[in-house]
C-alpha atoms as a PDB file:
ATOM      1  CA  MET A   1       0.194  15.401 -32.014  1.00  0.00           C
ATOM      2  CA  TRP A   2       2.449  18.105 -33.200  1.00  0.00           C
ATOM      3  CA  LEU A   3       2.043  19.733 -29.905  1.00  0.00           C
ATOM      4  CA  THR A   4       3.534  16.820 -28.097  1.00  0.00           C
ATOM      5  CA  LYS A   5       6.495  16.617 -30.481  1.00  0.00           C
ATOM      6  CA  LYS A   6       7.077  20.268 -30.067  1.00  0.00           C
ATOM      7  CA  ILE A   7       7.187  19.950 -26.294  1.00  0.00           C
ATOM      8  CA  MET A   8       9.499  17.002 -26.487  1.00  0.00           C
ATOM      9  CA  GLN A   9      11.852  18.811 -28.700  1.00  0.00           C
ATOM     10  CA  ASP A  10      12.028  21.926 -26.302  1.00  0.00           C
ATOM     11  CA  SER A  11      12.424  19.809 -23.266  1.00  0.00           C
ATOM     12  CA  LYS A  12      15.803  18.664 -22.062  1.00  0.00           C
ATOM     13  CA  GLU A  13      14.563  16.612 -19.149  1.00  0.00           C
ATOM     14  CA  VAL A  14      12.727  13.277 -18.926  1.00  0.00           C
ATOM     15  CA  GLN A  15       8.995  13.628 -18.401  1.00  0.00           C
ATOM     16  CA  MET A  16       7.317  10.639 -16.739  1.00  0.00           C
ATOM     17  CA  SER A  17       3.814   9.931 -15.546  1.00  0.00           C
ATOM     18  CA  THR A  18       1.394   7.031 -15.191  1.00  0.00           C
ATOM     19  CA  GLY A  19      -2.124   6.751 -16.495  1.00  0.00           C
ATOM     20  CA  ARG A  20      -4.774   4.260 -17.439  1.00  0.00           C
ATOM     21  CA  VAL A  21      -5.000   2.666 -20.905  1.00  0.00           C
ATOM     22  CA  THR A  22      -8.566   3.886 -22.037  1.00  0.00           C
ATOM     23  CA  SER A  23      -8.755   2.408 -25.470  1.00  0.00           C
ATOM     24  CA  SER A  24      -6.768  -0.254 -27.077  1.00  0.00           C
ATOM     25  CA  ASP A  25      -6.665  -2.163 -30.359  1.00  0.00           C
ATOM     26  CA  LYS A  26      -4.127  -2.800 -33.037  1.00  0.00           C
ATOM     27  CA  GLU A  27      -4.965   0.684 -34.663  1.00  0.00           C
ATOM     28  CA  GLN A  28      -4.988   2.977 -31.607  1.00  0.00           C
ATOM     29  CA  ILE A  29      -3.983   2.918 -28.062  1.00  0.00           C
ATOM     30  CA  THR A  30      -5.037   5.817 -25.766  1.00  0.00           C
ATOM     31  CA  VAL A  31      -3.556   6.418 -22.305  1.00  0.00           C
ATOM     32  CA  GLN A  32      -5.182   9.061 -20.063  1.00  0.00           C
ATOM     33  CA  ALA A  33      -2.661  10.551 -17.495  1.00  0.00           C
ATOM     34  CA  GLU A  34      -2.499  14.224 -16.789  1.00  0.00           C
ATOM     35  CA  LEU A  35      -2.839  14.545 -20.490  1.00  0.00           C
ATOM     36  CA  GLU A  36      -4.502  12.103 -22.912  1.00  0.00           C
ATOM     37  CA  TYR A  37      -1.917  10.277 -25.149  1.00  0.00           C
ATOM     38  CA  ARG A  38      -3.171   9.043 -28.288  1.00  0.00           C
ATOM     39  CA  LEU A  39      -1.228   6.592 -30.360  1.00  0.00           C
ATOM     40  CA  PRO A  40       1.859   6.733 -28.031  1.00  0.00           C
ATOM     41  CA  LYS A  41       4.812   4.651 -29.280  1.00  0.00           C
ATOM     42  CA  MET A  42       5.188   1.253 -27.553  1.00  0.00           C
ATOM     43  CA  VAL A  43       8.612   0.636 -26.268  1.00  0.00           C
ATOM     44  CA  ALA A  44       9.595  -2.852 -25.110  1.00  0.00           C
ATOM     45  CA  PRO A  45      12.798  -5.063 -25.456  1.00  0.00           C
ATOM     46  CA  TYR A  46      13.710  -6.489 -28.800  1.00  0.00           C
ATOM     47  CA  GLY A  47      11.406  -9.436 -29.910  1.00  0.00           C
ATOM     48  CA  VAL A  48       8.605  -8.437 -27.532  1.00  0.00           C
ATOM     49  CA  ALA A  49       5.366  -6.790 -28.929  1.00  0.00           C
ATOM     50  CA  SER A  50       2.137  -6.174 -27.208  1.00  0.00           C
ATOM     51  CA  VAL A  51      -0.915  -4.197 -27.358  1.00  0.00           C
ATOM     52  CA  PRO A  52      -1.963  -3.297 -23.614  1.00  0.00           C
ATOM     53  CA  PRO A  53      -5.556  -4.162 -22.668  1.00  0.00           C
ATOM     54  CA  GLU A  54      -7.996  -1.266 -21.476  1.00  0.00           C
ATOM     55  CA  GLY A  55      -7.823  -0.562 -17.840  1.00  0.00           C
ATOM     56  CA  GLU A  56      -4.088  -1.338 -17.385  1.00  0.00           C
ATOM     57  CA  GLN A  57      -1.802   1.236 -15.895  1.00  0.00           C
ATOM     58  CA  GLY A  58       0.321   2.616 -18.597  1.00  0.00           C
ATOM     59  CA  ILE A  59       3.736   4.345 -17.944  1.00  0.00           C
ATOM     60  CA  ILE A  60       4.465   7.349 -20.163  1.00  0.00           C
ATOM     61  CA  MET A  61       7.960   8.822 -20.793  1.00  0.00           C
ATOM     62  CA  ASN A  62       8.254  11.849 -22.945  1.00  0.00           C
ATOM     63  CA  GLY A  63       5.057  10.880 -24.928  1.00  0.00           C
ATOM     64  CA  CYS A  64       6.064   7.169 -25.422  1.00  0.00           C
ATOM     65  CA  CYS A  65       4.161   4.451 -23.562  1.00  0.00           C
ATOM     66  CA  MET A  66       6.935   2.301 -21.981  1.00  0.00           C
ATOM     67  CA  GLY A  67       4.682  -0.526 -20.988  1.00  0.00           C
ATOM     68  CA  VAL A  68       2.041  -1.205 -18.444  1.00  0.00           C
ATOM     69  CA  GLN A  69       2.375  -2.034 -14.591  1.00  0.00           C
ATOM     70  CA  THR A  70       2.275  -5.818 -14.151  1.00  0.00           C
ATOM     71  CA  ASP A  71       2.133  -8.062 -11.082  1.00  0.00           C
ATOM     72  CA  THR A  72       5.736  -9.366 -10.294  1.00  0.00           C
ATOM     73  CA  THR A  73       5.131 -10.828  -6.841  1.00  0.00           C
ATOM     74  CA  GLU A  74       5.683 -14.308  -8.008  1.00  0.00           C
ATOM     75  CA  LEU A  75       8.793 -13.653  -9.890  1.00  0.00           C
ATOM     76  CA  GLN A  76      12.457 -13.920  -8.686  1.00  0.00           C
ATOM     77  CA  PRO A  77      14.974 -11.622  -9.723  1.00  0.00           C
ATOM     78  CA  GLY A  78      16.122 -12.605 -13.213  1.00  0.00           C
ATOM     79  CA  GLU A  79      13.051 -14.461 -14.091  1.00  0.00           C
ATOM     80  CA  ILE A  80      10.925 -13.679 -17.205  1.00  0.00           C
ATOM     81  CA  ARG A  81       7.142 -14.142 -17.583  1.00  0.00           C
ATOM     82  CA  LEU A  82       5.289 -13.507 -20.653  1.00  0.00           C
ATOM     83  CA  ARG A  83       1.294 -13.434 -20.376  1.00  0.00           C
ATOM     84  CA  SER A  84      -1.550 -12.818 -22.711  1.00  0.00           C
ATOM     85  CA  ALA A  85      -4.705 -11.201 -21.587  1.00  0.00           C
ATOM     86  CA  ALA A  86      -6.533 -14.349 -22.085  1.00  0.00           C
ATOM     87  CA  GLY A  87      -4.108 -16.205 -19.767  1.00  0.00           C
ATOM     88  CA  ALA A  88      -1.658 -17.875 -22.019  1.00  0.00           C
ATOM     89  CA  GLU A  89       1.827 -17.882 -20.256  1.00  0.00           C
ATOM     90  CA  ILE A  90       5.419 -18.707 -20.687  1.00  0.00           C
ATOM     91  CA  TRP A  91       7.584 -18.474 -17.516  1.00  0.00           C
ATOM     92  CA  LEU A  92      11.315 -18.774 -17.552  1.00  0.00           C
ATOM     93  CA  LYS A  93      12.570 -19.669 -14.259  1.00  0.00           C
ATOM     94  CA  ASN A  94      16.127 -19.239 -12.715  1.00  0.00           C
ATOM     95  CA  ASN A  95      16.639 -22.922 -12.207  1.00  0.00           C
ATOM     96  CA  GLY A  96      16.377 -23.431 -15.950  1.00  0.00           C
ATOM     97  CA  ASP A  97      12.724 -24.815 -16.008  1.00  0.00           C
ATOM     98  CA  VAL A  98      10.278 -23.432 -18.377  1.00  0.00           C
ATOM     99  CA  TRP A  99       6.606 -23.289 -17.509  1.00  0.00           C
ATOM    100  CA  ILE A 100       4.076 -23.000 -20.538  1.00  0.00           C
ATOM    101  CA  ASN A 101       0.401 -22.675 -19.421  1.00  0.00           C
ATOM    102  CA  GLY A 102       1.143 -24.341 -16.047  1.00  0.00           C
ATOM    103  CA  GLN A 103       3.115 -27.408 -17.528  1.00  0.00           C
ATOM    104  CA  ARG A 104       6.678 -27.545 -16.282  1.00  0.00           C
ATOM    105  CA  PHE A 105       9.345 -28.436 -18.765  1.00  0.00           C
ATOM    106  CA  ALA A 106      12.480 -29.326 -16.504  1.00  0.00           C
ATOM    107  CA  ALA A 107      15.908 -28.158 -17.408  1.00  0.00           C
ATOM    108  CA  LYS A 108      18.286 -30.637 -18.581  1.00  0.00           C
ATOM    109  CA  GLU A 109      20.799 -31.901 -16.159  1.00  0.00           C
ATOM    110  CA  ALA A 110      24.396 -30.990 -17.157  1.00  0.00           C
END
């Protein structure tokens, strides 16, 4: 870990790579890219916290796990979907509708 910190201090450029999450629990996350990253800091927008499941593709930037690659084919630009590994889901649609676990809550008409 001290070596990663030293490399990051000496480097002025952004270093990015992708790898697979090889171990994951609330105590330790490991991402295998060209190097193995143990306990990378997880970076996400304010209010969003997650522990990525094993097998997902992690995105590493300067030793921090920036997140995991997710399927966005169903999303329109501006929409947000939160999904757990077990399938619980909240989807905020551009038309104002909110979908929770497949149930639609329609936007109020103005």
